[in-house]
PDB file of N, CA and C in Angstrom:
ATOM      1  N   UNK A   1     -13.921   5.959  -7.502  1.00  0.00           N
ATOM      2  CA  UNK A   1     -12.273   6.013  -7.465  1.00  0.00           C
ATOM      3  C   UNK A   1     -11.698   6.743  -6.191  1.00  0.00           C
ATOM      4  N   UNK A   2     -12.684   7.521  -5.790  1.00  0.00           N
ATOM      5  CA  UNK A   2     -11.995   8.719  -4.657  1.00  0.00           C
ATOM      6  C   UNK A   2     -11.634   7.364  -3.510  1.00  0.00           C
ATOM      7  N   UNK A   3     -12.679   6.530  -3.537  1.00  0.00           N
ATOM      8  CA  UNK A   3     -12.579   5.984  -2.081  1.00  0.00           C
ATOM      9  C   UNK A   3     -11.797   4.978  -2.411  1.00  0.00           C
ATOM     10  N   UNK A   4     -11.329   4.616  -3.189  1.00  0.00           N
ATOM     11  CA  UNK A   4     -10.151   3.482  -3.667  1.00  0.00           C
ATOM     12  C   UNK A   4      -8.543   4.123  -3.438  1.00  0.00           C
ATOM     13  N   UNK A   5      -8.473   5.298  -3.640  1.00  0.00           N
ATOM     14  CA  UNK A   5      -7.296   5.703  -3.647  1.00  0.00           C
ATOM     15  C   UNK A   5      -7.167   6.109  -1.897  1.00  0.00           C
ATOM     16  N   UNK A   6      -8.619   6.910  -1.368  1.00  0.00           N
ATOM     17  CA  UNK A   6      -7.977   7.091   0.054  1.00  0.00           C
ATOM     18  C   UNK A   6      -7.683   5.428   0.918  1.00  0.00           C
ATOM     19  N   UNK A   7      -8.375   4.567   0.254  1.00  0.00           N
ATOM     20  CA  UNK A   7      -8.485   2.978   0.986  1.00  0.00           C
ATOM     21  C   UNK A   7      -6.646   2.393   0.992  1.00  0.00           C
ATOM     22  N   UNK A   8      -6.178   3.002  -0.565  1.00  0.00           N
ATOM     23  CA  UNK A   8      -4.799   2.629  -0.620  1.00  0.00           C
ATOM     24  C   UNK A   8      -3.892   3.511   0.146  1.00  0.00           C
ATOM     25  N   UNK A   9      -3.866   4.367   0.225  1.00  0.00           N
ATOM     26  CA  UNK A   9      -3.389   5.488   0.584  1.00  0.00           C
ATOM     27  C   UNK A   9      -3.301   5.324   2.241  1.00  0.00           C
ATOM     28  N   UNK A  10      -4.266   4.714   3.286  1.00  0.00           N
ATOM     29  CA  UNK A  10      -4.538   4.736   3.960  1.00  0.00           C
ATOM     30  C   UNK A  10      -3.993   3.749   4.497  1.00  0.00           C
ATOM     31  N   UNK A  11      -4.589   2.410   3.731  1.00  0.00           N
ATOM     32  CA  UNK A  11      -3.980   1.074   3.968  1.00  0.00           C
ATOM     33  C   UNK A  11      -2.712   1.256   4.246  1.00  0.00           C
ATOM     34  N   UNK A  12      -1.730   1.900   3.109  1.00  0.00           N
ATOM     35  CA  UNK A  12      -0.103   2.005   2.936  1.00  0.00           C
ATOM     36  C   UNK A  12       0.108   2.251   4.372  1.00  0.00           C
ATOM     37  N   UNK A  13      -0.299   3.352   4.952  1.00  0.00           N
ATOM     38  CA  UNK A  13       0.389   4.029   6.113  1.00  0.00           C
ATOM     39  C   UNK A  13      -0.061   2.998   7.596  1.00  0.00           C
ATOM     40  N   UNK A  14      -1.094   2.160   7.448  1.00  0.00           N
ATOM     41  CA  UNK A  14      -1.462   1.497   8.424  1.00  0.00           C
ATOM     42  C   UNK A  14      -0.526   0.186   8.201  1.00  0.00           C
ATOM     43  N   UNK A  15      -0.125  -0.291   7.262  1.00  0.00           N
ATOM     44  CA  UNK A  15       0.752  -1.396   7.109  1.00  0.00           C
ATOM     45  C   UNK A  15       1.898  -0.938   7.709  1.00  0.00           C
ATOM     46  N   UNK A  16       2.371   0.355   7.159  1.00  0.00           N
ATOM     47  CA  UNK A  16       3.973   0.884   7.698  1.00  0.00           C
ATOM     48  C   UNK A  16       3.854   0.751   9.252  1.00  0.00           C
ATOM     49  N   UNK A  17       2.853   1.557   9.674  1.00  0.00           N
ATOM     50  CA  UNK A  17       2.423   1.062  11.318  1.00  0.00           C
ATOM     51  C   UNK A  17       2.547  -0.235  11.912  1.00  0.00           C
ATOM     52  N   UNK A  18       1.802  -0.965  11.507  1.00  0.00           N
ATOM     53  CA  UNK A  18       1.641  -2.681  11.966  1.00  0.00           C
ATOM     54  C   UNK A  18       3.108  -3.493  12.018  1.00  0.00           C
ATOM     55  N   UNK A  19       4.081  -2.678  10.388  1.00  0.00           N
ATOM     56  CA  UNK A  19       5.387  -3.337  10.081  1.00  0.00           C
ATOM     57  C   UNK A  19       6.245  -3.191  11.855  1.00  0.00           C
ATOM     58  N   UNK A  20       5.995  -1.470  11.442  1.00  0.00           N
ATOM     59  CA  UNK A  20       6.681  -1.147  12.998  1.00  0.00           C
ATOM     60  C   UNK A  20       6.338  -1.287  14.347  1.00  0.00           C
ATOM     61  N   UNK A  21       4.989  -1.946  14.590  1.00  0.00           N
ATOM     62  CA  UNK A  21       4.784  -2.853  15.428  1.00  0.00           C
ATOM     63  C   UNK A  21       5.504  -4.524  15.736  1.00  0.00           C
ATOM     64  N   UNK A  22       5.668  -4.955  14.530  1.00  0.00           N
ATOM     65  CA  UNK A  22       5.641  -6.283  14.586  1.00  0.00           C
ATOM     66  C   UNK A  22       7.031  -6.687  14.719  1.00  0.00           C
ATOM     67  N   UNK A  23       8.134  -5.577  13.884  1.00  0.00           N
ATOM     68  CA  UNK A  23       9.398  -5.863  13.640  1.00  0.00           C
ATOM     69  C   UNK A  23      10.567  -5.168  14.656  1.00  0.00           C
ATOM     70  N   UNK A  24       9.956  -4.230  15.107  1.00  0.00           N
ATOM     71  CA  UNK A  24      10.626  -3.384  16.167  1.00  0.00           C
ATOM     72  C   UNK A  24      10.189  -3.378  17.382  1.00  0.00           C
ATOM     73  N   UNK A  25      11.269  -3.070  18.456  1.00  0.00           N
ATOM     74  CA  UNK A  25      11.035  -2.779  19.941  1.00  0.00           C
ATOM     75  C   UNK A  25      10.661  -1.556  19.800  1.00  0.00           C
ATOM     76  N   UNK A  26      10.015  -0.558  19.282  1.00  0.00           N
ATOM     77  CA  UNK A  26       9.226   0.924  19.306  1.00  0.00           C
ATOM     78  C   UNK A  26       8.105   0.320  20.164  1.00  0.00           C
ATOM     79  N   UNK A  27       7.919   1.251  20.911  1.00  0.00           N
ATOM     80  CA  UNK A  27       6.442   1.394  21.606  1.00  0.00           C
ATOM     81  C   UNK A  27       5.245   1.611  20.366  1.00  0.00           C
ATOM     82  N   UNK A  28       4.095   1.445  21.130  1.00  0.00           N
ATOM     83  CA  UNK A  28       3.217   2.205  20.093  1.00  0.00           C
ATOM     84  C   UNK A  28       3.085   3.626  20.348  1.00  0.00           C
ATOM     85  N   UNK A  29       3.383   4.399  21.381  1.00  0.00           N
ATOM     86  CA  UNK A  29       3.671   5.779  21.676  1.00  0.00           C
ATOM     87  C   UNK A  29       4.509   6.421  20.988  1.00  0.00           C
ATOM     88  N   UNK A  30       5.836   5.660  21.014  1.00  0.00           N
ATOM     89  CA  UNK A  30       7.244   6.327  20.005  1.00  0.00           C
ATOM     90  C   UNK A  30       6.602   6.189  18.079  1.00  0.00           C
ATOM     91  N   UNK A  31       5.744   5.130  17.806  1.00  0.00           N
ATOM     92  CA  UNK A  31       5.580   4.950  16.501  1.00  0.00           C
ATOM     93  C   UNK A  31       4.543   6.117  16.268  1.00  0.00           C
ATOM     94  N   UNK A  32       3.460   6.328  17.388  1.00  0.00           N
ATOM     95  CA  UNK A  32       2.428   7.428  16.740  1.00  0.00           C
ATOM     96  C   UNK A  32       3.209   8.766  16.730  1.00  0.00           C
ATOM     97  N   UNK A  33       4.207   9.428  17.987  1.00  0.00           N
ATOM     98  CA  UNK A  33       5.421  10.186  17.452  1.00  0.00           C
ATOM     99  C   UNK A  33       5.923  10.453  16.231  1.00  0.00           C
ATOM    100  N   UNK A  34       6.394   9.224  15.765  1.00  0.00           N
ATOM    101  CA  UNK A  34       7.274   9.187  14.559  1.00  0.00           C
ATOM    102  C   UNK A  34       6.144   9.581  13.304  1.00  0.00           C
ATOM    103  N   UNK A  35       4.666   8.752  13.477  1.00  0.00           N
ATOM    104  CA  UNK A  35       3.880   9.132  12.348  1.00  0.00           C
ATOM    105  C   UNK A  35       3.604  10.826  12.463  1.00  0.00           C
ATOM    106  N   UNK A  36       3.622  11.854  13.358  1.00  0.00           N
ATOM    107  CA  UNK A  36       3.451  12.896  13.048  1.00  0.00           C
ATOM    108  C   UNK A  36       4.517  13.225  13.217  1.00  0.00           C
ATOM    109  N   UNK A  37       5.829  13.259  13.033  1.00  0.00           N
ATOM    110  CA  UNK A  37       6.942  13.818  12.737  1.00  0.00           C
ATOM    111  C   UNK A  37       6.957  13.291  11.154  1.00  0.00           C
ATOM    112  N   UNK A  38       7.021  12.582  10.607  1.00  0.00           N
ATOM    113  CA  UNK A  38       6.927  12.141   9.397  1.00  0.00           C
ATOM    114  C   UNK A  38       6.225  13.199   8.678  1.00  0.00           C
ATOM    115  N   UNK A  39       4.468  13.024   9.195  1.00  0.00           N
ATOM    116  CA  UNK A  39       3.652  14.189   8.141  1.00  0.00           C
ATOM    117  C   UNK A  39       4.507  15.393   8.532  1.00  0.00           C
ATOM    118  N   UNK A  40       4.843  16.059   9.350  1.00  0.00           N
ATOM    119  CA  UNK A  40       5.400  17.185   9.678  1.00  0.00           C
ATOM    120  C   UNK A  40       6.746  17.530   8.551  1.00  0.00           C
ATOM    121  N   UNK A  41       7.498  16.398   8.293  1.00  0.00           N
ATOM    122  CA  UNK A  41       8.623  16.598   7.659  1.00  0.00           C
ATOM    123  C   UNK A  41       7.935  16.074   6.082  1.00  0.00           C
ATOM    124  N   UNK A  42       7.199  15.199   5.704  1.00  0.00           N
ATOM    125  CA  UNK A  42       6.681  15.442   4.618  1.00  0.00           C
ATOM    126  C   UNK A  42       6.008  16.422   3.702  1.00  0.00           C
ATOM    127  N   UNK A  43       5.547  17.404   4.977  1.00  0.00           N
ATOM    128  CA  UNK A  43       4.910  18.642   4.272  1.00  0.00           C
ATOM    129  C   UNK A  43       6.049  19.711   4.135  1.00  0.00           C
ATOM    130  N   UNK A  44       6.578  19.471   5.123  1.00  0.00           N
ATOM    131  CA  UNK A  44       7.702  20.578   5.103  1.00  0.00           C
ATOM    132  C   UNK A  44       8.660  20.655   3.482  1.00  0.00           C
ATOM    133  N   UNK A  45       8.887  19.381   2.990  1.00  0.00           N
ATOM    134  CA  UNK A  45       9.687  19.338   1.729  1.00  0.00           C
ATOM    135  C   UNK A  45       8.531  19.268   0.661  1.00  0.00           C
ATOM    136  N   UNK A  46       7.181  19.306   0.991  1.00  0.00           N
ATOM    137  CA  UNK A  46       6.205  19.608   0.089  1.00  0.00           C
ATOM    138  C   UNK A  46       5.517  18.152  -0.729  1.00  0.00           C
ATOM    139  N   UNK A  47       5.899  16.939  -0.067  1.00  0.00           N
ATOM    140  CA  UNK A  47       5.342  16.158  -0.830  1.00  0.00           C
ATOM    141  C   UNK A  47       4.009  15.737  -0.116  1.00  0.00           C
ATOM    142  N   UNK A  48       3.760  15.920   0.892  1.00  0.00           N
ATOM    143  CA  UNK A  48       2.275  15.218   1.510  1.00  0.00           C
ATOM    144  C   UNK A  48       1.209  16.459   0.858  1.00  0.00           C
ATOM    145  N   UNK A  49       1.404  17.437   0.503  1.00  0.00           N
ATOM    146  CA  UNK A  49       0.206  18.370   0.067  1.00  0.00           C
ATOM    147  C   UNK A  49      -0.553  17.564  -1.204  1.00  0.00           C
ATOM    148  N   UNK A  50       0.455  17.098  -2.105  1.00  0.00           N
ATOM    149  CA  UNK A  50      -0.163  16.557  -3.174  1.00  0.00           C
ATOM    150  C   UNK A  50      -0.633  15.214  -2.922  1.00  0.00           C
ATOM    151  N   UNK A  51      -0.070  14.681  -1.819  1.00  0.00           N
ATOM    152  CA  UNK A  51      -1.276  13.132  -1.621  1.00  0.00           C
ATOM    153  C   UNK A  51      -2.080  13.571  -0.853  1.00  0.00           C
ATOM    154  N   UNK A  52      -2.205  14.965   0.005  1.00  0.00           N
ATOM    155  CA  UNK A  52      -3.273  14.973   0.364  1.00  0.00           C
ATOM    156  C   UNK A  52      -4.677  15.091  -0.446  1.00  0.00           C
ATOM    157  N   UNK A  53      -4.100  15.786  -1.930  1.00  0.00           N
ATOM    158  CA  UNK A  53      -5.001  15.981  -2.880  1.00  0.00           C
ATOM    159  C   UNK A  53      -5.338  15.044  -3.589  1.00  0.00           C
ATOM    160  N   UNK A  54      -4.259  13.781  -3.946  1.00  0.00           N
ATOM    161  CA  UNK A  54      -4.585  12.685  -4.482  1.00  0.00           C
ATOM    162  C   UNK A  54      -5.781  11.574  -4.008  1.00  0.00           C
ATOM    163  N   UNK A  55      -5.168  11.641  -2.265  1.00  0.00           N
ATOM    164  CA  UNK A  55      -5.917  10.379  -1.760  1.00  0.00           C
ATOM    165  C   UNK A  55      -6.956  10.848  -0.630  1.00  0.00           C
ATOM    166  N   UNK A  56      -6.546  11.980  -0.538  1.00  0.00           N
ATOM    167  CA  UNK A  56      -8.020  13.130   0.132  1.00  0.00           C
ATOM    168  C   UNK A  56      -8.175  12.329   1.937  1.00  0.00           C
ATOM    169  N   UNK A  57      -9.304  11.683   2.518  1.00  0.00           N
ATOM    170  CA  UNK A  57      -9.169  11.349   3.737  1.00  0.00           C
ATOM    171  C   UNK A  57      -8.292   9.986   4.244  1.00  0.00           C
ATOM    172  N   UNK A  58      -7.804   9.542   2.903  1.00  0.00           N
ATOM    173  CA  UNK A  58      -6.635   8.285   3.114  1.00  0.00           C
ATOM    174  C   UNK A  58      -5.642   8.944   3.660  1.00  0.00           C
ATOM    175  N   UNK A  59      -5.266  10.165   3.455  1.00  0.00           N
ATOM    176  CA  UNK A  59      -3.898  10.749   3.861  1.00  0.00           C
ATOM    177  C   UNK A  59      -3.893  11.453   5.063  1.00  0.00           C
ATOM    178  N   UNK A  60      -5.187  12.337   5.375  1.00  0.00           N
ATOM    179  CA  UNK A  60      -5.455  13.090   6.222  1.00  0.00           C
ATOM    180  C   UNK A  60      -5.855  12.724   7.626  1.00  0.00           C
ATOM    181  N   UNK A  61      -6.986  11.553   7.500  1.00  0.00           N
ATOM    182  CA  UNK A  61      -6.931  10.890   8.780  1.00  0.00           C
ATOM    183  C   UNK A  61      -5.924  10.602   9.822  1.00  0.00           C
ATOM    184  N   UNK A  62      -5.274   9.489   8.896  1.00  0.00           N
ATOM    185  CA  UNK A  62      -3.967   9.024   9.933  1.00  0.00           C
ATOM    186  C   UNK A  62      -3.036  10.116  10.973  1.00  0.00           C
ATOM    187  N   UNK A  63      -2.337   9.713  11.461  1.00  0.00           N
ATOM    188  CA  UNK A  63      -1.841  10.579  12.508  1.00  0.00           C
ATOM    189  C   UNK A  63      -0.582  11.605  11.178  1.00  0.00           C
ATOM    190  N   UNK A  64       0.134  10.967  10.245  1.00  0.00           N
ATOM    191  CA  UNK A  64       0.755  12.167   9.163  1.00  0.00           C
ATOM    192  C   UNK A  64      -0.043  12.932   9.044  1.00  0.00           C
ATOM    193  N   UNK A  65      -1.497  13.084   8.759  1.00  0.00           N
ATOM    194  CA  UNK A  65      -1.832  14.241   8.209  1.00  0.00           C
ATOM    195  C   UNK A  65      -2.397  15.323   9.555  1.00  0.00           C
ATOM    196  N   UNK A  66      -2.188  14.595  11.216  1.00  0.00           N
ATOM    197  CA  UNK A  66      -2.162  15.869  11.753  1.00  0.00           C
ATOM    198  C   UNK A  66      -0.710  16.506  11.802  1.00  0.00           C
ATOM    199  N   UNK A  67       0.270  15.927  11.670  1.00  0.00           N
ATOM    200  CA  UNK A  67       1.517  16.514  11.505  1.00  0.00           C
ATOM    201  C   UNK A  67       1.869  17.080  10.122  1.00  0.00           C
ATOM    202  N   UNK A  68       1.075  16.844   9.337  1.00  0.00           N
ATOM    203  CA  UNK A  68       0.643  18.139   8.083  1.00  0.00           C
ATOM    204  C   UNK A  68       0.182  19.088   8.366  1.00  0.00           C
ATOM    205  N   UNK A  69      -1.003  18.963   9.432  1.00  0.00           N
ATOM    206  CA  UNK A  69      -1.902  19.974   9.267  1.00  0.00           C
ATOM    207  C   UNK A  69      -1.206  21.039  10.622  1.00  0.00           C
ATOM    208  N   UNK A  70      -0.034  20.617  11.426  1.00  0.00           N
ATOM    209  CA  UNK A  70       0.336  21.313  12.190  1.00  0.00           C
ATOM    210  C   UNK A  70       1.692  21.940  11.496  1.00  0.00           C
ATOM    211  N   UNK A  71       2.053  21.251  10.665  1.00  0.00           N
ATOM    212  CA  UNK A  71       3.152  22.402   9.830  1.00  0.00           C
ATOM    213  C   UNK A  71       2.927  23.133   8.710  1.00  0.00           C
ATOM    214  N   UNK A  72       1.556  23.049   8.386  1.00  0.00           N
ATOM    215  CA  UNK A  72       0.876  24.185   7.493  1.00  0.00           C
ATOM    216  C   UNK A  72       0.570  25.309   8.364  1.00  0.00           C
ATOM    217  N   UNK A  73       0.009  24.981   9.386  1.00  0.00           N
ATOM    218  CA  UNK A  73      -0.513  25.884  10.470  1.00  0.00           C
ATOM    219  C   UNK A  73       0.432  27.074  10.890  1.00  0.00           C
ATOM    220  N   UNK A  74       1.713  25.907  10.964  1.00  0.00           N
ATOM    221  CA  UNK A  74       2.930  26.922  11.639  1.00  0.00           C
ATOM    222  C   UNK A  74       3.407  27.644  10.223  1.00  0.00           C
ATOM    223  N   UNK A  75       3.367  27.239   9.045  1.00  0.00           N
ATOM    224  CA  UNK A  75       4.062  28.202   8.117  1.00  0.00           C
ATOM    225  C   UNK A  75       3.164  29.040   7.797  1.00  0.00           C
ATOM    226  N   UNK A  76       1.527  29.100   7.793  1.00  0.00           N
ATOM    227  CA  UNK A  76       0.680  30.507   7.775  1.00  0.00           C
ATOM    228  C   UNK A  76       1.093  31.322   8.759  1.00  0.00           C
ATOM    229  N   UNK A  77       0.950  30.814  10.056  1.00  0.00           N
ATOM    230  CA  UNK A  77       1.286  31.994  11.078  1.00  0.00           C
ATOM    231  C   UNK A  77       2.648  32.408  11.121  1.00  0.00           C
ATOM    232  N   UNK A  78       3.897  32.016  10.642  1.00  0.00           N
ATOM    233  CA  UNK A  78       4.773  32.590  10.463  1.00  0.00           C
ATOM    234  C   UNK A  78       4.972  33.553   9.449  1.00  0.00           C
ATOM    235  N   UNK A  79       4.352  33.284   8.038  1.00  0.00           N
ATOM    236  CA  UNK A  79       3.923  34.345   7.222  1.00  0.00           C
ATOM    237  C   UNK A  79       2.894  35.660   7.657  1.00  0.00           C
ATOM    238  N   UNK A  80       2.244  34.950   8.628  1.00  0.00           N
ATOM    239  CA  UNK A  80       1.451  36.233   9.136  1.00  0.00           C
ATOM    240  C   UNK A  80       1.933  36.900  10.308  1.00  0.00           C
ATOM    241  N   UNK A  81       2.198  36.180  11.562  1.00  0.00           N
ATOM    242  CA  UNK A  81       2.799  36.887  12.533  1.00  0.00           C
ATOM    243  C   UNK A  81       4.290  37.043  12.895  1.00  0.00           C
ATOM    244  N   UNK A  82       5.104  36.420  12.035  1.00  0.00           N
ATOM    245  CA  UNK A  82       6.484  36.291  11.948  1.00  0.00           C
ATOM    246  C   UNK A  82       6.984  34.859  13.320  1.00  0.00           C
ATOM    247  N   UNK A  83       7.844  35.308  14.045  1.00  0.00           N
ATOM    248  CA  UNK A  83       8.571  34.218  14.644  1.00  0.00           C
ATOM    249  C   UNK A  83       7.229  33.493  15.840  1.00  0.00           C
ATOM    250  N   UNK A  84       6.718  34.997  15.927  1.00  0.00           N
ATOM    251  CA  UNK A  84       5.962  34.324  17.229  1.00  0.00           C
ATOM    252  C   UNK A  84       4.708  33.058  16.471  1.00  0.00           C
ATOM    253  N   UNK A  85       4.392  32.905  15.407  1.00  0.00           N
ATOM    254  CA  UNK A  85       3.640  31.986  14.664  1.00  0.00           C
ATOM    255  C   UNK A  85       4.415  30.737  14.802  1.00  0.00           C
ATOM    256  N   UNK A  86       5.389  30.682  15.201  1.00  0.00           N
ATOM    257  CA  UNK A  86       6.131  29.213  15.556  1.00  0.00           C
ATOM    258  C   UNK A  86       5.257  28.383  16.610  1.00  0.00           C
ATOM    259  N   UNK A  87       4.410  29.530  17.602  1.00  0.00           N
ATOM    260  CA  UNK A  87       4.110  28.852  18.799  1.00  0.00           C
ATOM    261  C   UNK A  87       2.700  29.164  18.678  1.00  0.00           C
ATOM    262  N   UNK A  88       2.075  29.818  18.327  1.00  0.00           N
ATOM    263  CA  UNK A  88       0.625  30.227  17.728  1.00  0.00           C
ATOM    264  C   UNK A  88      -0.117  29.319  16.850  1.00  0.00           C
ATOM    265  N   UNK A  89       0.528  28.767  15.647  1.00  0.00           N
ATOM    266  CA  UNK A  89       0.499  28.104  14.104  1.00  0.00           C
ATOM    267  C   UNK A  89      -0.417  26.882  14.815  1.00  0.00           C
ATOM    268  N   UNK A  90       0.640  26.129  15.480  1.00  0.00           N
ATOM    269  CA  UNK A  90       0.354  24.362  15.768  1.00  0.00           C
ATOM    270  C   UNK A  90      -1.069  24.643  16.324  1.00  0.00           C
ATOM    271  N   UNK A  91      -0.916  25.200  17.304  1.00  0.00           N
ATOM    272  CA  UNK A  91      -2.370  25.330  17.975  1.00  0.00           C
ATOM    273  C   UNK A  91      -3.665  25.768  17.419  1.00  0.00           C
ATOM    274  N   UNK A  92      -3.747  26.796  16.678  1.00  0.00           N
ATOM    275  CA  UNK A  92      -4.669  27.195  16.177  1.00  0.00           C
ATOM    276  C   UNK A  92      -5.166  26.422  15.059  1.00  0.00           C
ATOM    277  N   UNK A  93      -4.228  25.454  14.256  1.00  0.00           N
ATOM    278  CA  UNK A  93      -4.602  24.982  13.088  1.00  0.00           C
ATOM    279  C   UNK A  93      -4.817  23.538  13.465  1.00  0.00           C
ATOM    280  N   UNK A  94      -4.530  22.967  14.607  1.00  0.00           N
ATOM    281  CA  UNK A  94      -5.104  21.866  15.228  1.00  0.00           C
ATOM    282  C   UNK A  94      -5.829  21.795  16.577  1.00  0.00           C
ATOM    283  N   UNK A  95      -6.655  22.644  16.588  1.00  0.00           N
ATOM    284  CA  UNK A  95      -7.395  23.234  17.799  1.00  0.00           C
ATOM    285  C   UNK A  95      -8.583  22.077  17.902  1.00  0.00           C
ATOM    286  N   UNK A  96      -9.073  22.137  16.656  1.00  0.00           N
ATOM    287  CA  UNK A  96     -10.387  21.199  16.535  1.00  0.00           C
ATOM    288  C   UNK A  96     -10.402  19.914  17.101  1.00  0.00           C
ATOM    289  N   UNK A  97      -9.257  19.460  16.208  1.00  0.00           N
ATOM    290  CA  UNK A  97      -8.806  17.974  16.478  1.00  0.00           C
ATOM    291  C   UNK A  97      -8.398  17.622  17.923  1.00  0.00           C
ATOM    292  N   UNK A  98      -7.620  18.370  18.384  1.00  0.00           N
ATOM    293  CA  UNK A  98      -7.145  18.316  19.915  1.00  0.00           C
ATOM    294  C   UNK A  98      -8.371  18.431  20.590  1.00  0.00           C
ATOM    295  N   UNK A  99      -9.503  19.505  20.640  1.00  0.00           N
ATOM    296  CA  UNK A  99     -10.574  19.385  21.412  1.00  0.00           C
ATOM    297  C   UNK A  99     -11.560  18.345  20.946  1.00  0.00           C
ATOM    298  N   UNK A 100     -11.375  17.857  19.875  1.00  0.00           N
ATOM    299  CA  UNK A 100     -12.557  16.560  19.661  1.00  0.00           C
ATOM    300  C   UNK A 100     -11.812  15.559  20.693  1.00  0.00           C
ATOM    301  N   UNK A 101     -10.312  15.213  20.326  1.00  0.00           N
ATOM    302  CA  UNK A 101      -9.629  14.084  21.128  1.00  0.00           C
ATOM    303  C   UNK A 101     -10.218  14.336  22.551  1.00  0.00           C
ATOM    304  N   UNK A 102      -9.447  15.170  23.224  1.00  0.00           N
ATOM    305  CA  UNK A 102     -10.065  15.640  24.718  1.00  0.00           C
ATOM    306  C   UNK A 102     -11.568  15.221  24.752  1.00  0.00           C
ATOM    307  N   UNK A 103     -12.463  16.010  24.240  1.00  0.00           N
ATOM    308  CA  UNK A 103     -13.633  15.818  24.778  1.00  0.00           C
ATOM    309  C   UNK A 103     -14.224  14.516  24.528  1.00  0.00           C
ATOM    310  N   UNK A 104     -13.582  13.475  23.461  1.00  0.00           N
ATOM    311  CA  UNK A 104     -14.189  12.260  23.210  1.00  0.00           C
ATOM    312  C   UNK A 104     -13.636  11.247  24.795  1.00  0.00           C
ATOM    313  N   UNK A 105     -12.143  11.929  24.862  1.00  0.00           N
ATOM    314  CA  UNK A 105     -11.576  11.130  26.134  1.00  0.00           C
ATOM    315  C   UNK A 105     -12.294  11.069  27.381  1.00  0.00           C
ATOM    316  N   UNK A 106     -12.793  12.837  27.252  1.00  0.00           N
ATOM    317  CA  UNK A 106     -13.723  12.675  28.724  1.00  0.00           C
ATOM    318  C   UNK A 106     -14.986  11.872  28.726  1.00  0.00           C
ATOM    319  N   UNK A 107     -15.524  11.835  27.263  1.00  0.00           N
ATOM    320  CA  UNK A 107     -16.842  11.266  27.536  1.00  0.00           C
ATOM    321  C   UNK A 107     -16.808   9.267  27.993  1.00  0.00           C
ATOM    322  N   UNK A 108     -15.699   9.078  27.062  1.00  0.00           N
ATOM    323  CA  UNK A 108     -15.640   7.758  27.516  1.00  0.00           C
ATOM    324  C   UNK A 108     -15.080   7.425  28.712  1.00  0.00           C
ATOM    325  N   UNK A 109     -14.394   8.470  29.216  1.00  0.00           N
ATOM    326  CA  UNK A 109     -13.908   8.004  30.767  1.00  0.00           C
ATOM    327  C   UNK A 109     -15.050   8.191  31.664  1.00  0.00           C
ATOM    328  N   UNK A 110     -16.129   8.531  31.784  1.00  0.00           N
ATOM    329  CA  UNK A 110     -17.783   8.590  32.467  1.00  0.00           C
ATOM    330  C   UNK A 110     -17.958   7.231  32.451  1.00  0.00           C
ATOM    331  N   UNK A 111     -17.904   6.554  31.484  1.00  0.00           N
ATOM    332  CA  UNK A 111     -18.525   5.072  31.357  1.00  0.00           C
ATOM    333  C   UNK A 111     -17.610   3.959  31.236  1.00  0.00           C
ATOM    334  N   UNK A 112     -16.399   4.077  31.585  1.00  0.00           N
ATOM    335  CA  UNK A 112     -15.166   3.197  31.592  1.00  0.00           C
ATOM    336  C   UNK A 112     -14.805   3.519  33.179  1.00  0.00           C
ATOM    337  N   UNK A 113     -13.890   2.174  33.756  1.00  0.00           N
ATOM    338  CA  UNK A 113     -13.202   2.296  34.613  1.00  0.00           C
ATOM    339  C   UNK A 113     -11.437   1.869  34.288  1.00  0.00           C
ATOM    340  N   UNK A 114     -10.653   2.958  34.822  1.00  0.00           N
ATOM    341  CA  UNK A 114      -9.437   2.667  34.168  1.00  0.00           C
ATOM    342  C   UNK A 114      -8.909   1.560  34.753  1.00  0.00           C
ATOM    343  N   UNK A 115      -7.828   0.455  34.337  1.00  0.00           N
ATOM    344  CA  UNK A 115      -7.383  -0.740  34.923  1.00  0.00           C
ATOM    345  C   UNK A 115      -5.840  -0.893  34.763  1.00  0.00           C
ATOM    346  N   UNK A 116      -5.222  -0.966  35.980  1.00  0.00           N
ATOM    347  CA  UNK A 116      -3.756  -1.210  35.974  1.00  0.00           C
ATOM    348  C   UNK A 116      -3.145  -2.363  35.276  1.00  0.00           C
ATOM    349  N   UNK A 117      -2.041  -2.120  34.498  1.00  0.00           N
ATOM    350  CA  UNK A 117      -1.560  -3.285  34.110  1.00  0.00           C
ATOM    351  C   UNK A 117      -1.179  -4.342  34.539  1.00  0.00           C
TER     352      UNK A 117
END
């Protein structure tokens, strides 16, 4: 049942993204930023945490989950460090994901050549 919940929520997030690609003039980069901001906003209003508990990886793996992670880290750092937490919270909570993305990009760059459009 857990896999079905993850598949449903992850699939719905992907359907939203594909619909934005197909029916709007938004670039993929803008859509990715929109997903991160949506995760931050949904986390700020308290909607994303119950969704994470219900759907697990179906909600945490897409970019909306990264936005929710940034918001959660910021909230915790503000409680701990005050206003300085606005700057340190997102970086400390998302450091593992950011590092994984940078390292995987570096590894892929060793084996591929960049192409001009």
